[in-house]
Amino acid sequence: MQKTLKVRATGDALVLDLESMEAGVRKFVGRKFVTTPDGRHGFELEGNGSAELPNTEAYRYAVRCGDLVPADRATAQECGVKWVSPSASRAEPEPERAPEPETTTTEDAKGN
């Protein structure tokens, strides 16, 4: 069993950084707190969202649920999930769009 897990934050999931919480600081794995120019607050990726965490069941569960993604093959194997390299996941094709409906004008409808 490896001592640490290498993971990346993904999507909009917020996974608590348990070690920071024990120190009295609310922090989320791979995220940083931001205030937007219009005064709203939120979280965005810190760097590329990567983090090295202790190998605990809580973090392995977050990887299995998809809230964190493994950043290396060893972490994927440790968590029991399929390894997908970051470059392969960025190369996903765009989803197919539904065809645009044909539009008719009033004149077309009248048969002119």
C-alpha atoms as a PDB file:
ATOM      1  CA  MET A   1       0.000   0.000   0.000  1.00  0.00           C
ATOM      2  CA  GLN A   2       1.423   3.362  -1.026  1.00  0.00           C
ATOM      3  CA  LYS A   3       1.605   6.157   1.575  1.00  0.00           C
ATOM      4  CA  THR A   4       0.158   8.939  -0.568  1.00  0.00           C
ATOM      5  CA  LEU A   5      -2.345   9.432  -3.349  1.00  0.00           C
ATOM      6  CA  LYS A   6      -1.743  11.819  -6.227  1.00  0.00           C
ATOM      7  CA  VAL A   7      -5.045  13.320  -7.329  1.00  0.00           C
ATOM      8  CA  ARG A   8      -6.589  16.215  -9.252  1.00  0.00           C
ATOM      9  CA  ALA A   9      -9.735  18.146  -8.452  1.00  0.00           C
ATOM     10  CA  THR A  10     -12.386  17.804 -11.129  1.00  0.00           C
ATOM     11  CA  GLY A  11     -15.710  19.338 -12.099  1.00  0.00           C
ATOM     12  CA  ASP A  12     -17.375  21.342  -9.368  1.00  0.00           C
ATOM     13  CA  ALA A  13     -16.896  18.803  -6.558  1.00  0.00           C
ATOM     14  CA  LEU A  14     -15.459  20.175  -3.312  1.00  0.00           C
ATOM     15  CA  VAL A  15     -13.569  17.537  -1.289  1.00  0.00           C
ATOM     16  CA  LEU A  16     -12.532  18.690   2.183  1.00  0.00           C
ATOM     17  CA  ASP A  17      -8.816  18.716   2.926  1.00  0.00           C
ATOM     18  CA  LEU A  18      -9.062  16.794   6.197  1.00  0.00           C
ATOM     19  CA  GLU A  19      -5.556  17.671   7.398  1.00  0.00           C
ATOM     20  CA  SER A  20      -6.264  21.400   7.005  1.00  0.00           C
ATOM     21  CA  MET A  21      -9.553  20.992   8.869  1.00  0.00           C
ATOM     22  CA  GLU A  22      -7.716  19.379  11.784  1.00  0.00           C
ATOM     23  CA  ALA A  23      -5.508  22.496  11.877  1.00  0.00           C
ATOM     24  CA  GLY A  24      -8.620  24.698  11.968  1.00  0.00           C
ATOM     25  CA  VAL A  25      -8.571  25.839   8.341  1.00  0.00           C
ATOM     26  CA  ARG A  26     -11.416  25.048   5.931  1.00  0.00           C
ATOM     27  CA  LYS A  27      -9.785  24.122   2.645  1.00  0.00           C
ATOM     28  CA  PHE A  28     -10.770  21.967  -0.303  1.00  0.00           C
ATOM     29  CA  VAL A  29      -8.431  19.643  -2.205  1.00  0.00           C
ATOM     30  CA  GLY A  30      -6.962  21.380  -5.265  1.00  0.00           C
ATOM     31  CA  ARG A  31      -9.113  24.514  -4.822  1.00  0.00           C
ATOM     32  CA  LYS A  32      -8.596  28.057  -3.597  1.00  0.00           C
ATOM     33  CA  PHE A  33     -11.083  30.607  -2.276  1.00  0.00           C
ATOM     34  CA  VAL A  34     -11.664  33.598  -4.556  1.00  0.00           C
ATOM     35  CA  THR A  35     -13.696  36.778  -4.513  1.00  0.00           C
ATOM     36  CA  THR A  36     -14.917  37.959  -7.905  1.00  0.00           C
ATOM     37  CA  PRO A  37     -14.831  41.644  -8.908  1.00  0.00           C
ATOM     38  CA  ASP A  38     -18.598  41.864  -8.316  1.00  0.00           C
ATOM     39  CA  GLY A  39     -18.125  40.702  -4.693  1.00  0.00           C
ATOM     40  CA  ARG A  40     -19.269  37.082  -5.019  1.00  0.00           C
ATOM     41  CA  HIS A  41     -17.259  34.289  -3.398  1.00  0.00           C
ATOM     42  CA  GLY A  42     -16.379  30.853  -4.670  1.00  0.00           C
ATOM     43  CA  PHE A  43     -13.642  28.313  -5.342  1.00  0.00           C
ATOM     44  CA  GLU A  44     -11.485  27.757  -8.399  1.00  0.00           C
ATOM     45  CA  LEU A  45      -8.706  25.334  -9.256  1.00  0.00           C
ATOM     46  CA  GLU A  46      -5.454  26.015  -7.478  1.00  0.00           C
ATOM     47  CA  GLY A  47      -2.812  25.679 -10.191  1.00  0.00           C
ATOM     48  CA  ASN A  48      -3.847  22.605 -12.166  1.00  0.00           C
ATOM     49  CA  GLY A  49      -5.853  21.197  -9.244  1.00  0.00           C
ATOM     50  CA  SER A  50      -3.230  18.586  -8.314  1.00  0.00           C
ATOM     51  CA  ALA A  51      -2.602  17.494  -4.736  1.00  0.00           C
ATOM     52  CA  GLU A  52      -0.750  14.778  -2.880  1.00  0.00           C
ATOM     53  CA  LEU A  53      -2.830  13.369  -0.026  1.00  0.00           C
ATOM     54  CA  PRO A  54      -2.415  10.709   2.653  1.00  0.00           C
ATOM     55  CA  ASN A  55      -3.722   7.322   1.565  1.00  0.00           C
ATOM     56  CA  THR A  56      -6.934   7.185   3.600  1.00  0.00           C
ATOM     57  CA  GLU A  57     -10.280   5.527   2.913  1.00  0.00           C
ATOM     58  CA  ALA A  58     -11.976   8.940   2.742  1.00  0.00           C
ATOM     59  CA  TYR A  59      -9.776  10.070  -0.154  1.00  0.00           C
ATOM     60  CA  ARG A  60      -9.894   6.672  -1.905  1.00  0.00           C
ATOM     61  CA  TYR A  61     -13.704   6.885  -1.702  1.00  0.00           C
ATOM     62  CA  ALA A  62     -13.626  10.404  -3.242  1.00  0.00           C
ATOM     63  CA  VAL A  63     -11.616   8.979  -6.163  1.00  0.00           C
ATOM     64  CA  ARG A  64     -13.986   6.006  -6.598  1.00  0.00           C
ATOM     65  CA  CYS A  65     -16.976   8.400  -6.608  1.00  0.00           C
ATOM     66  CA  GLY A  66     -15.357  10.663  -9.202  1.00  0.00           C
ATOM     67  CA  ASP A  67     -15.011  13.728  -6.937  1.00  0.00           C
ATOM     68  CA  LEU A  68     -11.232  13.460  -7.381  1.00  0.00           C
ATOM     69  CA  VAL A  69      -9.399  11.894 -10.315  1.00  0.00           C
ATOM     70  CA  PRO A  70      -6.149   9.956 -10.022  1.00  0.00           C
ATOM     71  CA  ALA A  71      -3.118  11.872 -11.271  1.00  0.00           C
ATOM     72  CA  ASP A  72      -1.030   8.732 -11.738  1.00  0.00           C
ATOM     73  CA  ARG A  73      -1.442   5.047 -12.531  1.00  0.00           C
ATOM     74  CA  ALA A  74      -0.447   3.905  -9.004  1.00  0.00           C
ATOM     75  CA  THR A  75      -3.192   6.016  -7.403  1.00  0.00           C
ATOM     76  CA  ALA A  76      -5.783   4.676  -9.844  1.00  0.00           C
ATOM     77  CA  GLN A  77      -4.756   1.109  -9.028  1.00  0.00           C
ATOM     78  CA  GLU A  78      -4.771   1.809  -5.277  1.00  0.00           C
ATOM     79  CA  CYS A  79      -8.311   3.219  -5.508  1.00  0.00           C
ATOM     80  CA  GLY A  80      -9.605   0.495  -7.808  1.00  0.00           C
ATOM     81  CA  VAL A  81     -10.496   2.770 -10.724  1.00  0.00           C
ATOM     82  CA  LYS A  82      -9.515   2.797 -14.377  1.00  0.00           C
ATOM     83  CA  TRP A  83      -6.464   4.910 -15.211  1.00  0.00           C
ATOM     84  CA  VAL A  84      -7.089   7.577 -17.852  1.00  0.00           C
ATOM     85  CA  SER A  85      -4.103   9.771 -18.625  1.00  0.00           C
ATOM     86  CA  PRO A  86      -4.777  13.524 -18.400  1.00  0.00           C
ATOM     87  CA  SER A  87      -3.831  14.009 -22.060  1.00  0.00           C
ATOM     88  CA  ALA A  88      -6.351  11.353 -23.137  1.00  0.00           C
ATOM     89  CA  SER A  89      -9.144  12.891 -21.064  1.00  0.00           C
ATOM     90  CA  ARG A  90      -8.553  16.313 -22.680  1.00  0.00           C
ATOM     91  CA  ALA A  91      -8.778  14.771 -26.133  1.00  0.00           C
ATOM     92  CA  GLU A  92     -12.421  13.759 -25.739  1.00  0.00           C
ATOM     93  CA  PRO A  93     -14.483  14.573 -28.819  1.00  0.00           C
ATOM     94  CA  GLU A  94     -17.114  17.263 -28.680  1.00  0.00           C
ATOM     95  CA  PRO A  95     -20.597  15.856 -28.074  1.00  0.00           C
ATOM     96  CA  GLU A  96     -22.762  15.650 -31.173  1.00  0.00           C
ATOM     97  CA  ARG A  97     -25.255  18.439 -31.542  1.00  0.00           C
ATOM     98  CA  ALA A  98     -28.836  17.939 -32.611  1.00  0.00           C
ATOM     99  CA  PRO A  99     -29.484  19.223 -36.127  1.00  0.00           C
ATOM    100  CA  GLU A 100     -30.817  22.754 -36.337  1.00  0.00           C
ATOM    101  CA  PRO A 101     -34.540  22.849 -37.139  1.00  0.00           C
ATOM    102  CA  GLU A 102     -35.463  24.215 -40.525  1.00  0.00           C
ATOM    103  CA  THR A 103     -37.096  27.600 -40.360  1.00  0.00           C
ATOM    104  CA  THR A 104     -39.790  28.790 -42.671  1.00  0.00           C
ATOM    105  CA  THR A 105     -40.916  32.313 -43.295  1.00  0.00           C
ATOM    106  CA  THR A 106     -44.487  33.449 -43.471  1.00  0.00           C
ATOM    107  CA  GLU A 107     -44.090  33.782 -47.232  1.00  0.00           C
ATOM    108  CA  ASP A 108     -42.940  30.142 -47.528  1.00  0.00           C
ATOM    109  CA  ALA A 109     -45.938  29.015 -45.538  1.00  0.00           C
ATOM    110  CA  LYS A 110     -48.329  30.853 -47.870  1.00  0.00           C
ATOM    111  CA  GLY A 111     -46.838  29.126 -50.889  1.00  0.00           C
ATOM    112  CA  ASN A 112     -45.474  32.312 -52.492  1.00  0.00           C
END
